[in-house]
Amino acid sequence: MHKTLYLIRHGVIRSNLEDVYAGRSPESLTDDGVVQAEQLGGVIEDWGIQAIYSSPLRRTLQTAQILNRYCKADLSIDGDLNEIDLGRWTGLSKPEVSARYPAEYRVWVSNPEQFREDGIENLGQVQHRVLRAAGRFMQPDQPQTAAFVTHAVAVKLLVLHYRGLPMNLYHKIEVPNLSVYQVTLHGREGASVERLK
């Protein structure tokens, strides 16, 4: 049984422009983010997407709703696609995190798979829940073609998993706003991943 899953990151928000860790903040898309989503909607409207599963955060749901004006798919919220919970790092810039938590930040940058910090989700925890969402999509009663509208962390971890790569390569995967990865799932035969945008 072959299925196609598109992994889409939300449109741009202010924290992205300021290089701040947004975490689970309730930010909306910027005006440019709305335009980006509209443009992508025009690209994907003929891709045969039957279902869109969105993270519950405002920026992802706003993106998913815009895209769905073009796809006219079944749109639902999946909490397993939520952003990583960054705890006290939320709202801080990278230099601020580096200055306040230097030892922890060094691990995050150099060895992200081993990063552990109280109050912050680790990559293994995030990957576990996003794969749970993917597993539900793989059930026979689910559509053949769907999109996850989610966050950079979730996209990176799914791409690494389906490429059979370790989470320590997390920082090597590029996921700009409104980027799209196509995952072709071949059941027991594995999966193939291609970046489309």
N, C-alpha and C. Protein backbone atom coordinates (compact mmCIF):
# COMPACT_ATOMS: atom_id res chain seq x y z
N MET A 1 0.83 -1.19 0.00
CA MET A 1 0.00 0.00 0.00
C MET A 1 0.87 1.25 0.00
N HIS A 2 0.79 2.03 -1.06
CA HIS A 2 1.58 3.25 -1.17
C HIS A 2 0.73 4.45 -0.79
N LYS A 3 1.33 5.36 -0.02
CA LYS A 3 0.67 6.60 0.34
C LYS A 3 1.64 7.76 0.16
N THR A 4 1.08 8.96 -0.01
CA THR A 4 1.91 10.15 -0.16
C THR A 4 1.57 11.14 0.93
N LEU A 5 2.62 11.61 1.60
CA LEU A 5 2.46 12.56 2.69
C LEU A 5 3.33 13.78 2.41
N TYR A 6 2.71 14.95 2.38
CA TYR A 6 3.45 16.20 2.19
C TYR A 6 3.67 16.85 3.56
N LEU A 7 4.92 17.19 3.84
CA LEU A 7 5.29 17.84 5.09
C LEU A 7 5.51 19.32 4.81
N ILE A 8 4.68 20.16 5.40
CA ILE A 8 4.68 21.59 5.10
C ILE A 8 4.90 22.38 6.39
N ARG A 9 5.88 23.26 6.36
CA ARG A 9 6.07 24.17 7.50
C ARG A 9 5.18 25.39 7.32
N HIS A 10 4.72 25.93 8.43
CA HIS A 10 3.85 27.11 8.41
C HIS A 10 4.53 28.32 7.79
N GLY A 11 3.73 29.34 7.47
CA GLY A 11 4.25 30.59 6.94
C GLY A 11 5.01 31.38 8.00
N VAL A 12 5.65 32.44 7.57
CA VAL A 12 6.56 33.18 8.44
C VAL A 12 5.79 33.93 9.53
N ILE A 13 6.38 33.97 10.72
CA ILE A 13 5.88 34.74 11.86
C ILE A 13 6.99 35.69 12.30
N ARG A 14 6.64 36.61 13.17
CA ARG A 14 7.62 37.62 13.58
C ARG A 14 8.85 37.00 14.24
N SER A 15 8.65 35.98 15.07
CA SER A 15 9.79 35.33 15.73
C SER A 15 10.78 34.75 14.73
N ASN A 16 10.28 34.24 13.59
CA ASN A 16 11.18 33.73 12.56
C ASN A 16 12.07 34.85 12.02
N LEU A 17 11.47 36.02 11.81
CA LEU A 17 12.23 37.15 11.26
C LEU A 17 13.27 37.65 12.27
N GLU A 18 12.96 37.54 13.55
CA GLU A 18 13.86 38.02 14.60
C GLU A 18 14.79 36.93 15.11
N ASP A 19 14.70 35.74 14.52
CA ASP A 19 15.53 34.60 14.92
C ASP A 19 15.38 34.28 16.41
N VAL A 20 14.11 34.24 16.83
CA VAL A 20 13.76 33.95 18.21
C VAL A 20 13.12 32.58 18.28
N TYR A 21 13.37 31.85 19.36
CA TYR A 21 12.72 30.55 19.55
C TYR A 21 11.24 30.79 19.89
N ALA A 22 10.36 30.52 18.93
CA ALA A 22 8.93 30.80 19.13
C ALA A 22 8.27 29.80 20.06
N GLY A 23 8.74 28.54 20.03
CA GLY A 23 8.09 27.52 20.84
C GLY A 23 6.60 27.45 20.54
N ARG A 24 5.81 27.35 21.57
CA ARG A 24 4.35 27.23 21.40
C ARG A 24 3.64 28.58 21.57
N SER A 25 4.30 29.65 21.21
CA SER A 25 3.70 30.97 21.31
C SER A 25 2.47 31.07 20.39
N PRO A 26 1.50 31.93 20.73
CA PRO A 26 0.27 32.03 19.95
C PRO A 26 0.36 33.02 18.79
N GLU A 27 1.51 33.12 18.16
CA GLU A 27 1.69 34.11 17.10
C GLU A 27 0.89 33.76 15.84
N SER A 28 0.46 34.82 15.17
CA SER A 28 -0.19 34.67 13.87
C SER A 28 0.84 34.88 12.76
N LEU A 29 0.48 34.51 11.55
CA LEU A 29 1.32 34.78 10.40
C LEU A 29 1.47 36.28 10.20
N THR A 30 2.63 36.69 9.70
CA THR A 30 2.78 38.07 9.25
C THR A 30 2.04 38.22 7.92
N ASP A 31 1.96 39.46 7.44
CA ASP A 31 1.33 39.67 6.13
C ASP A 31 2.06 38.88 5.06
N ASP A 32 3.40 38.84 5.14
CA ASP A 32 4.17 38.06 4.17
C ASP A 32 3.87 36.57 4.31
N GLY A 33 3.67 36.13 5.54
CA GLY A 33 3.34 34.72 5.76
C GLY A 33 2.02 34.34 5.12
N VAL A 34 1.06 35.23 5.18
CA VAL A 34 -0.23 34.97 4.53
C VAL A 34 -0.04 34.89 3.01
N VAL A 35 0.74 35.80 2.46
CA VAL A 35 1.00 35.79 1.01
C VAL A 35 1.71 34.49 0.61
N GLN A 36 2.70 34.08 1.41
CA GLN A 36 3.41 32.82 1.13
C GLN A 36 2.44 31.65 1.06
N ALA A 37 1.53 31.59 2.03
CA ALA A 37 0.58 30.48 2.08
C ALA A 37 -0.36 30.51 0.88
N GLU A 38 -0.81 31.70 0.50
CA GLU A 38 -1.66 31.82 -0.68
C GLU A 38 -0.92 31.34 -1.93
N GLN A 39 0.35 31.71 -2.05
CA GLN A 39 1.13 31.30 -3.21
C GLN A 39 1.31 29.79 -3.25
N LEU A 40 1.59 29.19 -2.10
CA LEU A 40 1.75 27.74 -2.05
C LEU A 40 0.43 27.05 -2.36
N GLY A 41 -0.67 27.62 -1.88
CA GLY A 41 -1.97 27.03 -2.18
C GLY A 41 -2.20 26.89 -3.67
N GLY A 42 -1.80 27.90 -4.43
CA GLY A 42 -1.95 27.82 -5.88
C GLY A 42 -1.09 26.74 -6.51
N VAL A 43 0.03 26.41 -5.85
CA VAL A 43 0.93 25.38 -6.36
C VAL A 43 0.37 23.98 -6.09
N ILE A 44 -0.18 23.78 -4.89
CA ILE A 44 -0.53 22.42 -4.46
C ILE A 44 -1.98 22.04 -4.74
N GLU A 45 -2.78 22.95 -5.28
CA GLU A 45 -4.21 22.66 -5.41
C GLU A 45 -4.50 21.46 -6.31
N ASP A 46 -3.59 21.11 -7.20
CA ASP A 46 -3.81 19.98 -8.10
C ASP A 46 -3.03 18.73 -7.68
N TRP A 47 -2.55 18.69 -6.45
CA TRP A 47 -1.75 17.55 -6.00
C TRP A 47 -2.60 16.40 -5.47
N GLY A 48 -3.89 16.56 -5.45
CA GLY A 48 -4.76 15.47 -4.99
C GLY A 48 -4.75 15.25 -3.50
N ILE A 49 -4.46 16.30 -2.73
CA ILE A 49 -4.44 16.18 -1.27
C ILE A 49 -5.87 16.00 -0.76
N GLN A 50 -6.09 14.90 -0.06
CA GLN A 50 -7.44 14.55 0.42
C GLN A 50 -7.67 14.96 1.87
N ALA A 51 -6.60 15.09 2.62
CA ALA A 51 -6.72 15.44 4.04
C ALA A 51 -5.54 16.32 4.44
N ILE A 52 -5.82 17.30 5.29
CA ILE A 52 -4.78 18.15 5.86
C ILE A 52 -4.87 18.02 7.38
N TYR A 53 -3.76 17.65 7.99
CA TYR A 53 -3.68 17.54 9.44
C TYR A 53 -2.77 18.67 9.93
N SER A 54 -3.27 19.48 10.85
CA SER A 54 -2.55 20.66 11.29
C SER A 54 -2.19 20.58 12.77
N SER A 55 -1.03 21.11 13.10
CA SER A 55 -0.71 21.42 14.49
C SER A 55 -1.78 22.36 15.03
N PRO A 56 -2.02 22.34 16.34
CA PRO A 56 -3.06 23.20 16.90
C PRO A 56 -2.68 24.67 17.05
N LEU A 57 -1.43 25.02 16.84
CA LEU A 57 -1.02 26.41 17.06
C LEU A 57 -1.59 27.33 15.99
N ARG A 58 -1.76 28.59 16.36
CA ARG A 58 -2.44 29.55 15.47
C ARG A 58 -1.75 29.66 14.12
N ARG A 59 -0.42 29.70 14.11
CA ARG A 59 0.30 29.92 12.85
C ARG A 59 0.14 28.75 11.89
N THR A 60 0.08 27.54 12.42
CA THR A 60 -0.09 26.38 11.55
C THR A 60 -1.53 26.24 11.08
N LEU A 61 -2.45 26.46 12.00
CA LEU A 61 -3.86 26.34 11.62
C LEU A 61 -4.24 27.42 10.60
N GLN A 62 -3.70 28.62 10.78
CA GLN A 62 -3.95 29.69 9.81
C GLN A 62 -3.40 29.30 8.43
N THR A 63 -2.19 28.74 8.42
CA THR A 63 -1.59 28.28 7.16
C THR A 63 -2.44 27.18 6.53
N ALA A 64 -2.86 26.21 7.35
CA ALA A 64 -3.65 25.08 6.84
C ALA A 64 -4.98 25.55 6.26
N GLN A 65 -5.60 26.51 6.92
CA GLN A 65 -6.89 27.01 6.43
C GLN A 65 -6.74 27.72 5.09
N ILE A 66 -5.65 28.47 4.94
CA ILE A 66 -5.40 29.12 3.65
C ILE A 66 -5.16 28.07 2.56
N LEU A 67 -4.31 27.10 2.83
CA LEU A 67 -4.02 26.06 1.85
C LEU A 67 -5.29 25.30 1.48
N ASN A 68 -6.15 25.09 2.47
CA ASN A 68 -7.34 24.28 2.21
C ASN A 68 -8.38 25.00 1.36
N ARG A 69 -8.25 26.31 1.23
CA ARG A 69 -9.14 27.01 0.30
C ARG A 69 -8.85 26.57 -1.14
N TYR A 70 -7.65 26.09 -1.36
CA TYR A 70 -7.25 25.61 -2.69
C TYR A 70 -7.44 24.10 -2.80
N CYS A 71 -7.10 23.36 -1.75
CA CYS A 71 -7.15 21.89 -1.81
C CYS A 71 -8.55 21.34 -1.60
N LYS A 72 -9.34 22.04 -0.79
CA LYS A 72 -10.69 21.57 -0.45
C LYS A 72 -10.66 20.14 0.10
N ALA A 73 -9.76 19.93 1.03
CA ALA A 73 -9.58 18.61 1.66
C ALA A 73 -10.30 18.58 3.00
N ASP A 74 -10.24 17.43 3.67
CA ASP A 74 -10.73 17.33 5.04
C ASP A 74 -9.64 17.88 5.97
N LEU A 75 -9.96 18.92 6.71
CA LEU A 75 -8.98 19.58 7.58
C LEU A 75 -9.27 19.22 9.03
N SER A 76 -8.23 18.75 9.74
CA SER A 76 -8.40 18.43 11.15
C SER A 76 -7.13 18.81 11.91
N ILE A 77 -7.27 18.94 13.21
CA ILE A 77 -6.14 19.28 14.09
C ILE A 77 -5.61 18.01 14.73
N ASP A 78 -4.29 17.89 14.77
CA ASP A 78 -3.63 16.75 15.40
C ASP A 78 -2.60 17.27 16.40
N GLY A 79 -2.86 17.08 17.68
CA GLY A 79 -1.96 17.57 18.71
C GLY A 79 -0.57 16.99 18.65
N ASP A 80 -0.42 15.82 18.03
CA ASP A 80 0.91 15.22 17.92
C ASP A 80 1.81 15.98 16.94
N LEU A 81 1.24 16.90 16.17
CA LEU A 81 2.03 17.70 15.23
C LEU A 81 2.42 19.05 15.83
N ASN A 82 2.19 19.23 17.11
CA ASN A 82 2.48 20.49 17.77
C ASN A 82 3.98 20.80 17.75
N GLU A 83 4.30 22.07 17.97
CA GLU A 83 5.69 22.52 18.05
C GLU A 83 6.35 21.90 19.29
N ILE A 84 7.66 21.80 19.25
CA ILE A 84 8.41 21.36 20.42
C ILE A 84 8.15 22.32 21.58
N ASP A 85 7.99 21.77 22.77
CA ASP A 85 7.82 22.59 23.97
C ASP A 85 9.20 23.01 24.44
N LEU A 86 9.51 24.30 24.27
CA LEU A 86 10.85 24.80 24.60
C LEU A 86 10.96 25.38 26.00
N GLY A 87 9.89 25.30 26.77
CA GLY A 87 9.97 25.75 28.16
C GLY A 87 10.52 27.16 28.28
N ARG A 88 11.52 27.33 29.13
CA ARG A 88 12.04 28.68 29.41
C ARG A 88 12.85 29.28 28.26
N TRP A 89 13.14 28.50 27.23
CA TRP A 89 13.80 29.07 26.05
C TRP A 89 12.82 29.84 25.16
N THR A 90 11.54 29.63 25.33
CA THR A 90 10.54 30.27 24.47
C THR A 90 10.66 31.79 24.55
N GLY A 91 10.71 32.42 23.39
CA GLY A 91 10.78 33.88 23.31
C GLY A 91 12.19 34.44 23.38
N LEU A 92 13.19 33.58 23.53
CA LEU A 92 14.58 34.03 23.60
C LEU A 92 15.26 33.86 22.24
N SER A 93 16.21 34.74 21.95
CA SER A 93 17.02 34.60 20.75
C SER A 93 18.12 33.58 21.01
N LYS A 94 18.77 33.14 19.96
CA LYS A 94 19.88 32.20 20.12
C LYS A 94 21.00 32.79 20.97
N PRO A 95 21.42 34.06 20.74
CA PRO A 95 22.44 34.63 21.62
C PRO A 95 22.01 34.68 23.09
N GLU A 96 20.73 34.95 23.33
CA GLU A 96 20.25 34.99 24.71
C GLU A 96 20.30 33.61 25.35
N VAL A 97 19.88 32.59 24.63
CA VAL A 97 19.95 31.23 25.16
C VAL A 97 21.39 30.83 25.42
N SER A 98 22.26 31.16 24.48
CA SER A 98 23.68 30.83 24.63
C SER A 98 24.29 31.50 25.86
N ALA A 99 23.87 32.74 26.13
CA ALA A 99 24.43 33.48 27.27
C ALA A 99 23.86 32.97 28.60
N ARG A 100 22.57 32.64 28.63
CA ARG A 100 21.92 32.23 29.88
C ARG A 100 22.16 30.76 30.22
N TYR A 101 22.22 29.93 29.19
CA TYR A 101 22.35 28.48 29.38
C TYR A 101 23.48 27.94 28.50
N PRO A 102 24.72 28.37 28.74
CA PRO A 102 25.81 28.04 27.81
C PRO A 102 26.08 26.55 27.66
N ALA A 103 26.09 25.81 28.76
CA ALA A 103 26.40 24.38 28.67
C ALA A 103 25.30 23.64 27.91
N GLU A 104 24.04 23.93 28.23
CA GLU A 104 22.93 23.27 27.56
C GLU A 104 22.89 23.62 26.08
N TYR A 105 23.16 24.89 25.77
CA TYR A 105 23.11 25.33 24.38
C TYR A 105 24.21 24.65 23.56
N ARG A 106 25.37 24.46 24.15
CA ARG A 106 26.46 23.77 23.43
C ARG A 106 26.05 22.36 23.05
N VAL A 107 25.37 21.67 23.96
CA VAL A 107 24.89 20.31 23.64
C VAL A 107 23.86 20.38 22.53
N TRP A 108 22.93 21.32 22.60
CA TRP A 108 21.88 21.46 21.58
C TRP A 108 22.48 21.67 20.20
N VAL A 109 23.54 22.46 20.12
CA VAL A 109 24.15 22.77 18.83
C VAL A 109 25.02 21.62 18.33
N SER A 110 25.79 21.02 19.21
CA SER A 110 26.79 20.04 18.78
C SER A 110 26.30 18.59 18.81
N ASN A 111 25.33 18.30 19.68
CA ASN A 111 24.89 16.92 19.87
C ASN A 111 23.40 16.88 20.21
N PRO A 112 22.56 17.37 19.28
CA PRO A 112 21.14 17.58 19.62
C PRO A 112 20.40 16.32 20.04
N GLU A 113 20.83 15.16 19.56
CA GLU A 113 20.15 13.91 19.93
C GLU A 113 20.28 13.63 21.42
N GLN A 114 21.36 14.13 22.03
CA GLN A 114 21.61 13.88 23.45
C GLN A 114 21.10 14.99 24.35
N PHE A 115 20.51 16.03 23.77
CA PHE A 115 20.05 17.17 24.56
C PHE A 115 18.93 16.77 25.51
N ARG A 116 19.14 17.08 26.78
CA ARG A 116 18.12 16.84 27.81
C ARG A 116 18.12 18.04 28.75
N GLU A 117 16.95 18.60 28.99
CA GLU A 117 16.83 19.75 29.89
C GLU A 117 15.44 19.74 30.50
N ASP A 118 15.37 19.90 31.81
CA ASP A 118 14.07 19.88 32.49
C ASP A 118 13.15 20.94 31.89
N GLY A 119 11.91 20.55 31.62
CA GLY A 119 10.92 21.48 31.12
C GLY A 119 10.95 21.71 29.62
N ILE A 120 11.86 21.02 28.92
CA ILE A 120 11.98 21.15 27.47
C ILE A 120 11.88 19.76 26.85
N GLU A 121 11.04 19.63 25.85
CA GLU A 121 10.95 18.34 25.14
C GLU A 121 12.28 18.04 24.46
N ASN A 122 12.68 16.78 24.47
CA ASN A 122 13.86 16.40 23.69
C ASN A 122 13.42 15.87 22.33
N LEU A 123 14.37 15.75 21.42
CA LEU A 123 14.05 15.37 20.05
C LEU A 123 13.41 13.99 19.97
N GLY A 124 13.85 13.09 20.81
CA GLY A 124 13.26 11.75 20.81
C GLY A 124 11.78 11.78 21.15
N GLN A 125 11.42 12.61 22.10
CA GLN A 125 10.02 12.73 22.48
C GLN A 125 9.18 13.31 21.35
N VAL A 126 9.72 14.33 20.69
CA VAL A 126 8.99 14.93 19.57
C VAL A 126 8.86 13.94 18.42
N GLN A 127 9.95 13.25 18.10
CA GLN A 127 9.90 12.30 17.00
C GLN A 127 8.89 11.19 17.29
N HIS A 128 8.82 10.76 18.51
CA HIS A 128 7.88 9.69 18.88
C HIS A 128 6.44 10.11 18.57
N ARG A 129 6.09 11.34 18.95
CA ARG A 129 4.69 11.74 18.74
C ARG A 129 4.38 12.08 17.29
N VAL A 130 5.35 12.63 16.54
CA VAL A 130 5.03 12.92 15.13
C VAL A 130 4.96 11.62 14.32
N LEU A 131 5.74 10.62 14.72
CA LEU A 131 5.61 9.32 14.06
C LEU A 131 4.29 8.64 14.42
N ARG A 132 3.79 8.94 15.59
CA ARG A 132 2.47 8.42 15.97
C ARG A 132 1.40 8.99 15.03
N ALA A 133 1.52 10.28 14.71
CA ALA A 133 0.60 10.89 13.76
C ALA A 133 0.73 10.26 12.38
N ALA A 134 1.98 10.02 11.96
CA ALA A 134 2.20 9.38 10.66
C ALA A 134 1.65 7.96 10.65
N GLY A 135 1.77 7.27 11.77
CA GLY A 135 1.23 5.91 11.85
C GLY A 135 -0.27 5.87 11.70
N ARG A 136 -0.95 6.87 12.24
CA ARG A 136 -2.40 6.93 12.06
C ARG A 136 -2.75 7.14 10.59
N PHE A 137 -1.98 8.00 9.91
CA PHE A 137 -2.21 8.24 8.48
C PHE A 137 -2.03 6.96 7.67
N MET A 138 -1.14 6.09 8.10
CA MET A 138 -0.87 4.86 7.36
C MET A 138 -1.96 3.80 7.50
N GLN A 139 -2.92 4.01 8.36
CA GLN A 139 -3.98 3.02 8.52
C GLN A 139 -4.80 2.92 7.23
N PRO A 140 -5.29 1.72 6.90
CA PRO A 140 -6.01 1.51 5.63
C PRO A 140 -7.23 2.39 5.43
N ASP A 141 -7.86 2.81 6.53
CA ASP A 141 -9.08 3.60 6.38
C ASP A 141 -8.81 5.10 6.21
N GLN A 142 -7.54 5.47 6.14
CA GLN A 142 -7.17 6.87 5.98
C GLN A 142 -6.89 7.19 4.51
N PRO A 143 -6.93 8.47 4.11
CA PRO A 143 -6.72 8.84 2.70
C PRO A 143 -5.36 8.41 2.17
N GLN A 144 -5.27 8.35 0.86
CA GLN A 144 -4.01 7.97 0.21
C GLN A 144 -3.02 9.12 0.17
N THR A 145 -3.52 10.34 0.14
CA THR A 145 -2.65 11.51 0.00
C THR A 145 -3.06 12.57 1.01
N ALA A 146 -2.10 13.01 1.81
CA ALA A 146 -2.41 13.98 2.85
C ALA A 146 -1.24 14.93 3.05
N ALA A 147 -1.50 15.99 3.81
CA ALA A 147 -0.45 16.96 4.17
C ALA A 147 -0.46 17.16 5.67
N PHE A 148 0.74 17.24 6.24
CA PHE A 148 0.92 17.68 7.62
C PHE A 148 1.35 19.14 7.56
N VAL A 149 0.60 20.03 8.15
CA VAL A 149 1.02 21.42 8.28
C VAL A 149 1.52 21.60 9.71
N THR A 150 2.82 21.77 9.84
CA THR A 150 3.42 21.65 11.16
C THR A 150 4.63 22.59 11.27
N HIS A 151 5.63 22.19 12.02
CA HIS A 151 6.74 23.07 12.39
C HIS A 151 8.07 22.48 11.92
N ALA A 152 9.10 23.31 11.91
CA ALA A 152 10.39 22.88 11.40
C ALA A 152 10.91 21.65 12.14
N VAL A 153 10.75 21.63 13.46
CA VAL A 153 11.26 20.50 14.24
C VAL A 153 10.59 19.20 13.79
N ALA A 154 9.27 19.24 13.68
CA ALA A 154 8.53 18.03 13.28
C ALA A 154 8.94 17.57 11.88
N VAL A 155 9.05 18.52 10.96
CA VAL A 155 9.44 18.16 9.59
C VAL A 155 10.83 17.54 9.58
N LYS A 156 11.77 18.17 10.26
CA LYS A 156 13.14 17.65 10.28
C LYS A 156 13.19 16.22 10.83
N LEU A 157 12.47 15.98 11.91
CA LEU A 157 12.53 14.67 12.54
C LEU A 157 11.85 13.60 11.70
N LEU A 158 10.79 13.95 10.99
CA LEU A 158 10.18 12.99 10.07
C LEU A 158 11.09 12.71 8.89
N VAL A 159 11.70 13.74 8.34
CA VAL A 159 12.63 13.55 7.21
C VAL A 159 13.79 12.65 7.63
N LEU A 160 14.37 12.91 8.78
CA LEU A 160 15.48 12.07 9.25
C LEU A 160 15.03 10.63 9.43
N HIS A 161 13.88 10.43 10.02
CA HIS A 161 13.39 9.06 10.23
C HIS A 161 13.21 8.32 8.91
N TYR A 162 12.53 8.96 7.96
CA TYR A 162 12.23 8.26 6.71
C TYR A 162 13.45 8.11 5.81
N ARG A 163 14.48 8.89 6.07
CA ARG A 163 15.74 8.70 5.35
C ARG A 163 16.68 7.76 6.09
N GLY A 164 16.27 7.29 7.25
CA GLY A 164 17.09 6.37 8.03
C GLY A 164 18.32 7.02 8.61
N LEU A 165 18.22 8.29 8.98
CA LEU A 165 19.37 9.05 9.48
C LEU A 165 19.21 9.36 10.96
N PRO A 166 20.33 9.53 11.67
CA PRO A 166 20.25 9.82 13.11
C PRO A 166 19.79 11.25 13.40
N MET A 167 19.22 11.44 14.57
CA MET A 167 18.74 12.76 14.95
C MET A 167 19.87 13.77 15.15
N ASN A 168 21.10 13.30 15.28
CA ASN A 168 22.22 14.24 15.41
C ASN A 168 22.44 15.06 14.15
N LEU A 169 21.82 14.66 13.04
CA LEU A 169 21.90 15.45 11.80
C LEU A 169 20.76 16.47 11.72
N TYR A 170 20.09 16.67 12.83
CA TYR A 170 18.94 17.57 12.89
C TYR A 170 19.23 18.94 12.29
N HIS A 171 20.35 19.53 12.65
CA HIS A 171 20.66 20.89 12.19
C HIS A 171 21.05 20.94 10.71
N LYS A 172 21.25 19.81 10.08
CA LYS A 172 21.63 19.77 8.66
C LYS A 172 20.42 19.82 7.72
N ILE A 173 19.24 19.56 8.24
CA ILE A 173 18.03 19.55 7.42
C ILE A 173 17.47 20.97 7.33
N GLU A 174 17.31 21.47 6.13
CA GLU A 174 16.80 22.83 5.94
C GLU A 174 15.28 22.81 5.76
N VAL A 175 14.61 23.61 6.57
CA VAL A 175 13.14 23.67 6.50
C VAL A 175 12.71 25.14 6.62
N PRO A 176 12.86 25.93 5.57
CA PRO A 176 12.37 27.31 5.63
C PRO A 176 10.84 27.35 5.66
N ASN A 177 10.31 28.51 5.96
CA ASN A 177 8.85 28.66 5.99
C ASN A 177 8.23 28.27 4.66
N LEU A 178 7.13 27.55 4.74
CA LEU A 178 6.37 27.05 3.59
C LEU A 178 7.18 26.13 2.68
N SER A 179 8.23 25.53 3.20
CA SER A 179 8.92 24.49 2.44
C SER A 179 8.05 23.24 2.43
N VAL A 180 8.28 22.38 1.44
CA VAL A 180 7.47 21.17 1.28
C VAL A 180 8.40 19.98 1.03
N TYR A 181 8.24 18.94 1.84
CA TYR A 181 8.88 17.65 1.59
C TYR A 181 7.80 16.65 1.23
N GLN A 182 8.07 15.85 0.22
CA GLN A 182 7.16 14.77 -0.15
C GLN A 182 7.71 13.44 0.35
N VAL A 183 6.91 12.75 1.15
CA VAL A 183 7.28 11.42 1.63
C VAL A 183 6.37 10.41 0.94
N THR A 184 6.96 9.50 0.19
CA THR A 184 6.21 8.41 -0.43
C THR A 184 6.41 7.18 0.44
N LEU A 185 5.32 6.72 1.03
CA LEU A 185 5.37 5.61 1.98
C LEU A 185 4.99 4.32 1.27
N HIS A 186 5.88 3.34 1.37
CA HIS A 186 5.69 2.08 0.65
C HIS A 186 5.35 0.92 1.59
N GLY A 187 4.73 1.22 2.71
CA GLY A 187 4.40 0.17 3.66
C GLY A 187 5.66 -0.48 4.22
N ARG A 188 5.74 -1.77 4.15
CA ARG A 188 6.89 -2.49 4.70
C ARG A 188 8.16 -2.28 3.88
N GLU A 189 8.01 -1.74 2.69
CA GLU A 189 9.18 -1.52 1.82
C GLU A 189 9.91 -0.22 2.14
N GLY A 190 9.41 0.53 3.11
CA GLY A 190 10.11 1.74 3.50
C GLY A 190 9.48 2.99 2.88
N ALA A 191 10.31 4.02 2.72
CA ALA A 191 9.82 5.31 2.25
C ALA A 191 10.91 6.02 1.47
N SER A 192 10.48 6.95 0.62
CA SER A 192 11.41 7.83 -0.08
C SER A 192 11.00 9.27 0.20
N VAL A 193 11.99 10.16 0.28
CA VAL A 193 11.75 11.55 0.65
C VAL A 193 12.37 12.46 -0.39
N GLU A 194 11.62 13.47 -0.81
CA GLU A 194 12.11 14.44 -1.76
C GLU A 194 11.65 15.84 -1.33
N ARG A 195 12.59 16.78 -1.37
CA ARG A 195 12.19 18.17 -1.10
C ARG A 195 11.67 18.79 -2.38
N LEU A 196 10.44 19.32 -2.32
CA LEU A 196 9.82 19.91 -3.49
C LEU A 196 9.94 21.42 -3.53
N LYS A 197 10.05 22.03 -2.35
CA LYS A 197 10.09 23.50 -2.26
C LYS A 197 10.87 23.93 -1.03
